[in-house]
């Protein structure tokens, strides 16, 4: 067995060294269609991705007593100068983990411009919660078929009852 040290990732019998300041650029597969006539038990979807150079921005959110703040909303914004005014454009957001840590990967620009970012932290994403008891189409308690509701013209129900996406059921 191979010894894994430092920042290496262990993957089976192979130690995988992380690429130097790179991340995988997202991609989307082709449309995958599955219906009642699908014969396969598994569908393999291989996706090609590109890698880009990044800088990881990370930190820990703590309260005034130095205790980590879990579930805080963290927003990465970019400073944009408009005339004499500085505005902020949202770049990404996330929630801190159970120890208050967060991270963002910033793409390293190809040009010579110096991009400026800030991290905004706001209220924890926990607390009293509202429960919505019924969806627009409840397959257990509604005579209209959900398949009919979610059909292409979205307002036709086979039960002759018309619904709009704005109908409230809670």
N, C-alpha and C. Protein backbone atom coordinates (compact mmCIF):
# COMPACT_ATOMS: atom_id res chain seq x y z
N UNK A 1 0.84 -1.19 0.00
CA UNK A 1 0.00 0.00 0.00
C UNK A 1 0.88 1.24 0.00
N UNK A 2 0.45 2.26 -0.71
CA UNK A 2 1.22 3.49 -0.86
C UNK A 2 0.92 4.43 0.30
N UNK A 3 1.94 5.08 0.83
CA UNK A 3 1.75 6.04 1.90
C UNK A 3 1.28 7.36 1.31
N UNK A 4 0.24 7.93 1.91
CA UNK A 4 -0.31 9.20 1.44
C UNK A 4 0.14 10.29 2.40
N UNK A 5 0.76 11.33 1.87
CA UNK A 5 1.25 12.40 2.71
C UNK A 5 0.80 13.76 2.19
N UNK A 6 0.88 14.74 3.05
CA UNK A 6 0.59 16.12 2.65
C UNK A 6 -0.81 16.29 2.10
N UNK A 7 -0.90 17.02 0.98
CA UNK A 7 -2.19 17.34 0.39
C UNK A 7 -2.59 16.36 -0.71
N UNK A 8 -1.95 15.19 -0.76
CA UNK A 8 -2.31 14.20 -1.76
C UNK A 8 -3.69 13.64 -1.43
N UNK A 9 -4.39 13.19 -2.44
CA UNK A 9 -5.67 12.51 -2.25
C UNK A 9 -5.44 11.03 -2.47
N UNK A 10 -6.04 10.22 -1.65
CA UNK A 10 -5.89 8.78 -1.78
C UNK A 10 -7.05 8.25 -2.62
N UNK A 11 -6.74 7.56 -3.69
CA UNK A 11 -7.76 7.03 -4.59
C UNK A 11 -7.40 5.58 -4.89
N UNK A 12 -7.93 4.65 -4.12
CA UNK A 12 -7.57 3.24 -4.30
C UNK A 12 -6.13 3.03 -3.92
N UNK A 13 -5.34 2.43 -4.81
CA UNK A 13 -3.92 2.19 -4.56
C UNK A 13 -3.05 3.28 -5.15
N UNK A 14 -3.65 4.38 -5.56
CA UNK A 14 -2.90 5.44 -6.23
C UNK A 14 -3.03 6.74 -5.44
N UNK A 15 -1.91 7.37 -5.17
CA UNK A 15 -1.94 8.70 -4.55
C UNK A 15 -2.05 9.71 -5.68
N UNK A 16 -3.07 10.54 -5.64
CA UNK A 16 -3.30 11.52 -6.69
C UNK A 16 -2.86 12.88 -6.19
N UNK A 17 -1.90 13.48 -6.87
CA UNK A 17 -1.44 14.82 -6.50
C UNK A 17 -2.38 15.85 -7.13
N UNK A 18 -2.82 16.83 -6.36
CA UNK A 18 -3.69 17.85 -6.95
C UNK A 18 -2.93 18.70 -7.94
N UNK A 19 -3.65 19.16 -8.99
CA UNK A 19 -3.03 20.06 -9.96
C UNK A 19 -2.74 21.39 -9.29
N UNK A 20 -1.73 22.06 -9.76
CA UNK A 20 -1.31 23.32 -9.18
C UNK A 20 -2.32 24.42 -9.48
N UNK A 21 -3.11 24.78 -8.49
CA UNK A 21 -4.07 25.89 -8.60
C UNK A 21 -5.03 25.74 -9.78
N UNK A 22 -5.59 24.57 -9.97
CA UNK A 22 -6.54 24.38 -11.06
C UNK A 22 -7.87 23.88 -10.53
N UNK A 23 -8.89 24.16 -11.29
CA UNK A 23 -10.20 23.59 -10.99
C UNK A 23 -10.80 23.08 -12.28
N UNK A 24 -11.82 22.29 -12.15
CA UNK A 24 -12.50 21.74 -13.31
C UNK A 24 -13.61 22.70 -13.70
N UNK A 25 -13.60 23.12 -14.96
CA UNK A 25 -14.63 24.01 -15.47
C UNK A 25 -15.87 23.18 -15.75
N UNK A 26 -16.98 23.60 -15.25
CA UNK A 26 -18.22 22.85 -15.38
C UNK A 26 -18.63 22.62 -16.82
N UNK A 27 -19.41 21.59 -17.02
CA UNK A 27 -19.93 21.25 -18.32
C UNK A 27 -21.27 20.57 -18.10
N UNK A 28 -22.03 20.42 -19.14
CA UNK A 28 -23.35 19.80 -19.05
C UNK A 28 -23.42 18.68 -20.08
N UNK A 29 -24.02 17.58 -19.68
CA UNK A 29 -24.15 16.47 -20.62
C UNK A 29 -25.22 16.78 -21.67
N UNK A 30 -25.25 15.94 -22.68
CA UNK A 30 -26.36 16.02 -23.63
C UNK A 30 -27.62 15.61 -22.89
N UNK A 31 -28.77 15.94 -23.44
CA UNK A 31 -30.04 15.59 -22.80
C UNK A 31 -30.16 14.07 -22.68
N UNK A 32 -30.58 13.61 -21.52
CA UNK A 32 -30.77 12.19 -21.26
C UNK A 32 -32.27 11.96 -21.15
N UNK A 33 -32.80 11.15 -22.03
CA UNK A 33 -34.23 10.90 -22.02
C UNK A 33 -34.51 9.51 -21.50
N UNK A 34 -35.39 9.42 -20.53
CA UNK A 34 -35.79 8.15 -19.94
C UNK A 34 -37.31 8.12 -19.92
N UNK A 35 -37.88 7.06 -20.44
CA UNK A 35 -39.33 6.91 -20.39
C UNK A 35 -39.67 5.45 -20.09
N UNK A 36 -40.95 5.11 -20.11
CA UNK A 36 -41.36 3.76 -19.73
C UNK A 36 -40.87 2.70 -20.71
N UNK A 37 -40.38 3.09 -21.88
CA UNK A 37 -39.86 2.13 -22.86
C UNK A 37 -38.35 1.93 -22.76
N UNK A 38 -37.71 2.62 -21.83
CA UNK A 38 -36.26 2.51 -21.67
C UNK A 38 -35.90 1.09 -21.24
N UNK A 39 -34.99 0.48 -21.98
CA UNK A 39 -34.59 -0.90 -21.72
C UNK A 39 -33.39 -1.00 -20.78
N UNK A 40 -32.60 0.05 -20.66
CA UNK A 40 -31.36 0.01 -19.89
C UNK A 40 -31.63 0.06 -18.39
N UNK A 41 -30.75 -0.58 -17.63
CA UNK A 41 -30.78 -0.49 -16.18
C UNK A 41 -29.82 0.58 -15.68
N UNK A 42 -28.83 0.91 -16.49
CA UNK A 42 -27.85 1.95 -16.17
C UNK A 42 -27.59 2.76 -17.43
N UNK A 43 -27.27 4.02 -17.22
CA UNK A 43 -26.87 4.89 -18.33
C UNK A 43 -25.55 5.53 -17.94
N UNK A 44 -24.53 5.32 -18.75
CA UNK A 44 -23.23 5.93 -18.48
C UNK A 44 -23.15 7.25 -19.23
N UNK A 45 -22.75 8.29 -18.54
CA UNK A 45 -22.62 9.61 -19.14
C UNK A 45 -21.20 10.11 -18.86
N UNK A 46 -20.34 10.04 -19.88
CA UNK A 46 -18.98 10.55 -19.77
C UNK A 46 -18.98 12.00 -20.23
N UNK A 47 -18.32 12.86 -19.48
CA UNK A 47 -18.32 14.29 -19.78
C UNK A 47 -16.89 14.79 -19.82
N UNK A 48 -16.55 15.52 -20.87
CA UNK A 48 -15.24 16.16 -20.96
C UNK A 48 -15.30 17.51 -20.27
N UNK A 49 -14.24 17.83 -19.55
CA UNK A 49 -14.18 19.11 -18.87
C UNK A 49 -12.83 19.78 -19.14
N UNK A 50 -12.81 21.06 -19.02
CA UNK A 50 -11.56 21.81 -19.16
C UNK A 50 -11.09 22.20 -17.77
N UNK A 51 -9.81 22.48 -17.65
CA UNK A 51 -9.27 22.95 -16.38
C UNK A 51 -8.84 24.40 -16.54
N UNK A 52 -9.04 25.18 -15.49
CA UNK A 52 -8.63 26.57 -15.50
C UNK A 52 -7.83 26.85 -14.25
N UNK A 53 -6.96 27.82 -14.35
CA UNK A 53 -6.17 28.22 -13.19
C UNK A 53 -7.06 29.02 -12.25
N UNK A 54 -6.98 28.70 -10.97
CA UNK A 54 -7.79 29.38 -9.97
C UNK A 54 -6.97 29.71 -8.74
N UNK A 55 -7.55 30.58 -7.94
CA UNK A 55 -7.04 30.88 -6.62
C UNK A 55 -8.18 30.60 -5.66
N UNK A 56 -7.90 29.80 -4.65
CA UNK A 56 -8.94 29.48 -3.67
C UNK A 56 -8.97 30.55 -2.60
N UNK A 57 -10.15 31.14 -2.39
CA UNK A 57 -10.40 32.12 -1.34
C UNK A 57 -11.19 31.38 -0.27
N UNK A 58 -10.70 31.34 0.94
CA UNK A 58 -11.41 30.61 1.98
C UNK A 58 -11.21 31.27 3.33
N UNK A 59 -12.02 30.89 4.28
CA UNK A 59 -11.90 31.45 5.62
C UNK A 59 -12.88 30.80 6.56
N UNK A 60 -12.94 31.36 7.74
CA UNK A 60 -13.84 30.86 8.78
C UNK A 60 -14.61 32.03 9.35
N UNK A 61 -15.90 31.86 9.53
CA UNK A 61 -16.75 32.88 10.12
C UNK A 61 -16.88 32.57 11.61
N UNK A 62 -16.58 33.58 12.44
CA UNK A 62 -16.68 33.41 13.89
C UNK A 62 -17.53 34.53 14.47
N UNK A 63 -18.17 34.26 15.60
CA UNK A 63 -18.94 35.30 16.27
C UNK A 63 -18.01 36.15 17.13
N UNK A 64 -18.58 37.11 17.86
CA UNK A 64 -17.77 38.04 18.66
C UNK A 64 -17.02 37.35 19.79
N UNK A 65 -17.43 36.14 20.16
CA UNK A 65 -16.74 35.40 21.22
C UNK A 65 -15.72 34.42 20.64
N UNK A 66 -15.53 34.45 19.30
CA UNK A 66 -14.54 33.59 18.67
C UNK A 66 -15.04 32.19 18.35
N UNK A 67 -16.35 31.97 18.49
CA UNK A 67 -16.91 30.65 18.20
C UNK A 67 -17.30 30.58 16.72
N UNK A 68 -17.03 29.45 16.06
CA UNK A 68 -17.40 29.28 14.64
C UNK A 68 -18.91 29.43 14.45
N UNK A 69 -19.30 30.00 13.31
CA UNK A 69 -20.72 30.19 12.99
C UNK A 69 -21.09 29.25 11.85
N UNK A 70 -21.78 28.15 12.17
CA UNK A 70 -22.23 27.25 11.10
C UNK A 70 -23.45 27.83 10.38
N UNK A 71 -23.63 27.44 9.15
CA UNK A 71 -24.83 27.77 8.37
C UNK A 71 -25.01 29.26 8.08
N UNK A 72 -23.94 30.05 8.13
CA UNK A 72 -24.04 31.47 7.78
C UNK A 72 -24.03 31.60 6.26
N UNK A 73 -24.79 32.53 5.74
CA UNK A 73 -24.80 32.80 4.31
C UNK A 73 -23.59 33.65 3.97
N UNK A 74 -22.76 33.17 3.04
CA UNK A 74 -21.54 33.87 2.63
C UNK A 74 -21.68 34.18 1.15
N UNK A 75 -21.48 35.46 0.80
CA UNK A 75 -21.64 35.87 -0.59
C UNK A 75 -20.36 36.52 -1.10
N UNK A 76 -19.87 36.05 -2.24
CA UNK A 76 -18.70 36.63 -2.88
C UNK A 76 -19.20 37.64 -3.91
N UNK A 77 -18.71 38.87 -3.80
CA UNK A 77 -19.11 39.92 -4.75
C UNK A 77 -17.86 40.53 -5.37
N UNK A 78 -18.04 41.06 -6.57
CA UNK A 78 -16.95 41.72 -7.29
C UNK A 78 -17.25 43.21 -7.32
N UNK A 79 -16.23 44.02 -7.01
CA UNK A 79 -16.38 45.48 -7.10
C UNK A 79 -16.40 45.89 -8.56
N UNK A 80 -17.37 46.71 -8.92
CA UNK A 80 -17.48 47.22 -10.28
C UNK A 80 -17.60 48.74 -10.18
N UNK A 81 -16.68 49.45 -10.82
CA UNK A 81 -16.71 50.90 -10.78
C UNK A 81 -17.60 51.40 -11.90
N UNK A 82 -18.62 52.19 -11.53
CA UNK A 82 -19.53 52.78 -12.51
C UNK A 82 -19.51 54.29 -12.29
N UNK A 83 -18.74 54.97 -13.14
CA UNK A 83 -18.55 56.41 -12.95
C UNK A 83 -17.71 56.63 -11.71
N UNK A 84 -18.23 57.43 -10.78
CA UNK A 84 -17.52 57.69 -9.52
C UNK A 84 -18.00 56.77 -8.40
N UNK A 85 -18.86 55.85 -8.74
CA UNK A 85 -19.50 55.00 -7.76
C UNK A 85 -18.99 53.56 -7.86
N UNK A 86 -18.87 52.88 -6.72
CA UNK A 86 -18.53 51.45 -6.72
C UNK A 86 -19.79 50.66 -6.41
N UNK A 87 -20.10 49.72 -7.27
CA UNK A 87 -21.23 48.82 -7.05
C UNK A 87 -20.68 47.41 -6.91
N UNK A 88 -21.53 46.51 -6.48
CA UNK A 88 -21.12 45.12 -6.28
C UNK A 88 -21.97 44.19 -7.12
N UNK A 89 -21.32 43.26 -7.79
CA UNK A 89 -22.01 42.23 -8.56
C UNK A 89 -21.79 40.91 -7.86
N UNK A 90 -22.88 40.17 -7.66
CA UNK A 90 -22.77 38.86 -7.05
C UNK A 90 -22.01 37.90 -7.96
N UNK A 91 -21.09 37.15 -7.39
CA UNK A 91 -20.31 36.16 -8.14
C UNK A 91 -20.72 34.76 -7.73
N UNK A 92 -20.80 34.51 -6.44
CA UNK A 92 -21.16 33.20 -5.92
C UNK A 92 -21.65 33.35 -4.49
N UNK A 93 -22.32 32.33 -4.00
CA UNK A 93 -22.72 32.33 -2.60
C UNK A 93 -22.67 30.90 -2.08
N UNK A 94 -22.65 30.77 -0.79
CA UNK A 94 -22.63 29.46 -0.16
C UNK A 94 -22.99 29.57 1.30
N UNK A 95 -22.96 28.43 1.97
CA UNK A 95 -23.28 28.34 3.38
C UNK A 95 -22.05 27.78 4.10
N UNK A 96 -21.71 28.34 5.25
CA UNK A 96 -20.57 27.81 5.99
C UNK A 96 -20.88 26.41 6.50
N UNK A 97 -19.82 25.61 6.65
CA UNK A 97 -20.00 24.25 7.16
C UNK A 97 -20.19 24.29 8.68
N UNK A 98 -20.20 23.11 9.32
CA UNK A 98 -20.47 23.03 10.75
C UNK A 98 -19.40 23.71 11.60
N UNK A 99 -18.23 23.99 11.05
CA UNK A 99 -17.17 24.68 11.78
C UNK A 99 -16.99 26.13 11.31
N UNK A 100 -17.94 26.62 10.50
CA UNK A 100 -17.91 28.00 10.05
C UNK A 100 -17.02 28.28 8.86
N UNK A 101 -16.48 27.22 8.22
CA UNK A 101 -15.60 27.42 7.07
C UNK A 101 -16.38 27.58 5.77
N UNK A 102 -15.81 28.36 4.85
CA UNK A 102 -16.37 28.54 3.51
C UNK A 102 -15.21 28.58 2.53
N UNK A 103 -15.52 28.44 1.25
CA UNK A 103 -14.48 28.59 0.22
C UNK A 103 -15.12 28.96 -1.11
N UNK A 104 -14.35 29.71 -1.90
CA UNK A 104 -14.70 30.05 -3.26
C UNK A 104 -13.46 29.86 -4.12
N UNK A 105 -13.62 29.41 -5.35
CA UNK A 105 -12.52 29.33 -6.30
C UNK A 105 -12.66 30.49 -7.27
N UNK A 106 -11.65 31.33 -7.34
CA UNK A 106 -11.66 32.48 -8.24
C UNK A 106 -10.86 32.15 -9.49
N UNK A 107 -11.42 32.40 -10.64
CA UNK A 107 -10.69 32.20 -11.89
C UNK A 107 -9.61 33.26 -12.01
N UNK A 108 -8.43 32.85 -12.40
CA UNK A 108 -7.34 33.79 -12.62
C UNK A 108 -7.56 34.42 -13.99
N UNK A 109 -7.66 35.77 -14.05
CA UNK A 109 -7.96 36.41 -15.33
C UNK A 109 -6.80 36.30 -16.33
N UNK A 110 -7.16 36.33 -17.60
CA UNK A 110 -6.16 36.28 -18.68
C UNK A 110 -5.59 37.66 -18.96
N UNK A 111 -6.35 38.70 -18.58
CA UNK A 111 -5.90 40.07 -18.89
C UNK A 111 -5.11 40.65 -17.71
N UNK A 112 -4.70 41.91 -17.82
CA UNK A 112 -3.89 42.56 -16.80
C UNK A 112 -4.73 43.33 -15.78
N UNK A 113 -6.04 43.30 -15.93
CA UNK A 113 -6.92 44.02 -15.01
C UNK A 113 -6.87 43.38 -13.62
N UNK A 114 -6.89 44.21 -12.57
CA UNK A 114 -6.90 43.69 -11.20
C UNK A 114 -8.35 43.67 -10.72
N UNK A 115 -8.89 42.49 -10.52
CA UNK A 115 -10.26 42.34 -10.05
C UNK A 115 -10.27 42.42 -8.53
N UNK A 116 -11.30 43.08 -7.99
CA UNK A 116 -11.42 43.27 -6.55
C UNK A 116 -12.70 42.61 -6.06
N UNK A 117 -12.56 41.85 -4.99
CA UNK A 117 -13.69 41.09 -4.45
C UNK A 117 -13.89 41.44 -2.97
N UNK A 118 -15.07 41.17 -2.50
CA UNK A 118 -15.40 41.26 -1.07
C UNK A 118 -16.24 40.05 -0.72
N UNK A 119 -16.20 39.68 0.54
CA UNK A 119 -17.05 38.60 1.04
C UNK A 119 -18.04 39.21 2.01
N UNK A 120 -19.32 39.03 1.74
CA UNK A 120 -20.37 39.51 2.63
C UNK A 120 -20.88 38.30 3.42
N UNK A 121 -21.15 38.51 4.69
CA UNK A 121 -21.71 37.46 5.54
C UNK A 121 -23.01 38.00 6.11
N UNK A 122 -24.03 37.18 6.08
CA UNK A 122 -25.29 37.61 6.67
C UNK A 122 -25.85 36.51 7.55
N UNK A 123 -27.03 36.69 7.95
CA UNK A 123 -27.66 35.86 8.96
C UNK A 123 -27.53 34.38 8.67
N UNK A 124 -27.54 33.63 9.74
CA UNK A 124 -27.47 32.18 9.62
C UNK A 124 -28.69 31.68 8.86
N UNK A 125 -28.48 30.63 8.11
CA UNK A 125 -29.56 30.04 7.32
C UNK A 125 -30.29 28.99 8.14
N UNK A 126 -30.50 29.27 9.41
CA UNK A 126 -31.26 28.36 10.26
C UNK A 126 -32.24 29.18 11.06
N UNK A 127 -33.16 28.52 11.71
CA UNK A 127 -34.15 29.21 12.52
C UNK A 127 -35.52 28.65 12.22
N UNK A 128 -36.55 29.42 12.56
CA UNK A 128 -37.91 28.97 12.35
C UNK A 128 -38.15 28.74 10.87
N UNK A 129 -38.82 27.69 10.59
CA UNK A 129 -39.05 27.31 9.20
C UNK A 129 -40.53 27.24 8.93
N UNK A 130 -40.93 27.61 7.73
CA UNK A 130 -42.32 27.51 7.30
C UNK A 130 -42.44 26.23 6.50
N UNK A 131 -43.48 25.47 6.76
CA UNK A 131 -43.71 24.22 6.04
C UNK A 131 -44.88 24.42 5.10
N UNK A 132 -44.65 24.15 3.82
CA UNK A 132 -45.72 24.20 2.83
C UNK A 132 -46.25 22.79 2.74
N UNK A 133 -47.51 22.61 3.10
CA UNK A 133 -48.05 21.26 3.25
C UNK A 133 -48.46 20.61 1.95
N UNK A 134 -48.84 21.38 0.96
CA UNK A 134 -49.29 20.78 -0.29
C UNK A 134 -48.67 21.51 -1.46
N UNK A 135 -48.32 20.75 -2.47
CA UNK A 135 -47.81 21.33 -3.70
C UNK A 135 -48.99 21.70 -4.59
N UNK A 136 -48.72 22.34 -5.70
CA UNK A 136 -49.78 22.69 -6.65
C UNK A 136 -50.50 21.44 -7.10
N UNK A 137 -49.77 20.38 -7.29
CA UNK A 137 -50.38 19.13 -7.71
C UNK A 137 -49.98 18.07 -6.70
N UNK A 138 -50.91 17.65 -5.85
CA UNK A 138 -50.64 16.65 -4.82
C UNK A 138 -51.15 15.30 -5.32
N UNK A 139 -50.27 14.38 -5.67
CA UNK A 139 -50.70 13.11 -6.23
C UNK A 139 -51.47 12.24 -5.24
N UNK A 140 -51.37 12.55 -3.94
CA UNK A 140 -52.04 11.74 -2.93
C UNK A 140 -53.43 12.26 -2.59
N UNK A 141 -53.67 13.54 -2.82
CA UNK A 141 -54.89 14.15 -2.31
C UNK A 141 -55.62 14.98 -3.36
N UNK A 142 -55.29 14.84 -4.61
CA UNK A 142 -55.88 15.68 -5.63
C UNK A 142 -56.35 14.81 -6.78
N UNK A 143 -57.57 15.01 -7.26
CA UNK A 143 -58.07 14.14 -8.34
C UNK A 143 -57.38 14.37 -9.68
N UNK A 144 -56.67 15.45 -9.82
CA UNK A 144 -56.00 15.77 -11.08
C UNK A 144 -54.66 15.05 -11.14
N UNK A 145 -54.32 14.48 -12.27
CA UNK A 145 -53.06 13.78 -12.43
C UNK A 145 -51.91 14.77 -12.54
N UNK A 146 -50.85 14.54 -11.78
CA UNK A 146 -49.68 15.43 -11.86
C UNK A 146 -49.07 15.41 -13.24
N UNK A 147 -49.12 14.28 -13.92
CA UNK A 147 -48.60 14.22 -15.28
C UNK A 147 -49.39 15.15 -16.19
N UNK A 148 -50.70 15.25 -15.96
CA UNK A 148 -51.51 16.16 -16.74
C UNK A 148 -51.16 17.61 -16.42
N UNK A 149 -50.93 17.90 -15.14
CA UNK A 149 -50.62 19.27 -14.75
C UNK A 149 -49.29 19.72 -15.34
N UNK A 150 -48.32 18.83 -15.33
CA UNK A 150 -46.99 19.20 -15.81
C UNK A 150 -46.84 18.95 -17.31
N UNK A 151 -47.95 18.83 -18.01
CA UNK A 151 -47.87 18.64 -19.45
C UNK A 151 -47.44 19.94 -20.13
N UNK A 152 -47.30 19.88 -21.44
CA UNK A 152 -46.73 21.02 -22.17
C UNK A 152 -47.52 22.31 -22.03
N UNK A 153 -48.85 22.26 -21.93
CA UNK A 153 -49.57 23.53 -21.81
C UNK A 153 -49.87 23.88 -20.35
N UNK A 154 -49.38 23.12 -19.40
CA UNK A 154 -49.25 23.45 -17.99
C UNK A 154 -50.53 23.86 -17.26
N UNK A 155 -51.64 24.10 -17.93
CA UNK A 155 -52.86 24.47 -17.22
C UNK A 155 -54.00 23.50 -17.49
N UNK A 156 -53.72 22.41 -18.18
CA UNK A 156 -54.78 21.45 -18.46
C UNK A 156 -54.75 20.31 -17.46
N UNK A 157 -55.85 20.10 -16.81
CA UNK A 157 -55.99 18.95 -15.93
C UNK A 157 -57.07 18.06 -16.52
N UNK A 158 -56.88 16.77 -16.42
CA UNK A 158 -57.86 15.85 -16.97
C UNK A 158 -59.15 15.86 -16.16
N UNK A 159 -59.11 16.46 -14.99
CA UNK A 159 -60.29 16.46 -14.13
C UNK A 159 -61.16 17.69 -14.36
N UNK A 160 -60.92 18.40 -15.46
CA UNK A 160 -61.67 19.61 -15.82
C UNK A 160 -61.53 20.74 -14.81
N UNK A 161 -60.56 20.64 -13.96
CA UNK A 161 -60.31 21.70 -12.98
C UNK A 161 -59.06 22.43 -13.43
N UNK A 162 -59.14 23.74 -13.62
CA UNK A 162 -58.01 24.52 -14.11
C UNK A 162 -57.19 25.04 -12.94
N UNK A 163 -55.88 24.95 -13.06
CA UNK A 163 -54.95 25.47 -12.05
C UNK A 163 -53.91 26.32 -12.73
N UNK A 164 -53.45 27.31 -12.02
CA UNK A 164 -52.32 28.09 -12.53
C UNK A 164 -51.15 27.89 -11.58
N UNK A 165 -49.93 28.15 -12.04
CA UNK A 165 -48.78 27.99 -11.16
C UNK A 165 -48.84 28.87 -9.92
N UNK A 166 -49.71 29.89 -9.91
CA UNK A 166 -49.81 30.78 -8.76
C UNK A 166 -50.85 30.33 -7.74
N UNK A 167 -51.59 29.24 -8.02
CA UNK A 167 -52.59 28.76 -7.07
C UNK A 167 -51.91 28.38 -5.77
N UNK A 168 -52.58 28.67 -4.66
CA UNK A 168 -52.02 28.37 -3.34
C UNK A 168 -52.76 27.20 -2.73
N UNK A 169 -52.03 26.23 -2.17
CA UNK A 169 -52.65 25.04 -1.60
C UNK A 169 -52.19 24.77 -0.17
N UNK A 170 -51.77 25.78 0.57
CA UNK A 170 -51.33 25.50 1.92
C UNK A 170 -52.07 26.33 2.92
